[in-house]
């Protein structure tokens, strides 16, 4: 009988020391949702944005002859 109580005590102590890994259902991975999300984004896995080209430099104005 003592062995059972010792074993239960060790199990309880281990459960109290170990970190909890529970997550709400909205955080857990959902394969169906992930697939639909990827389909809605298109086939390109990553989108690379290129910066807009710089506007051309203005030409210096010539002084009018006097």
Foldseek 3Di string as FASTA:
>chain_A
DVVVVVVVVVVVVVVVPDDDDDDPPVPDDDVVVVVVVCVVVPDDPDDDDDDDDDDDDDDDDDDDDD
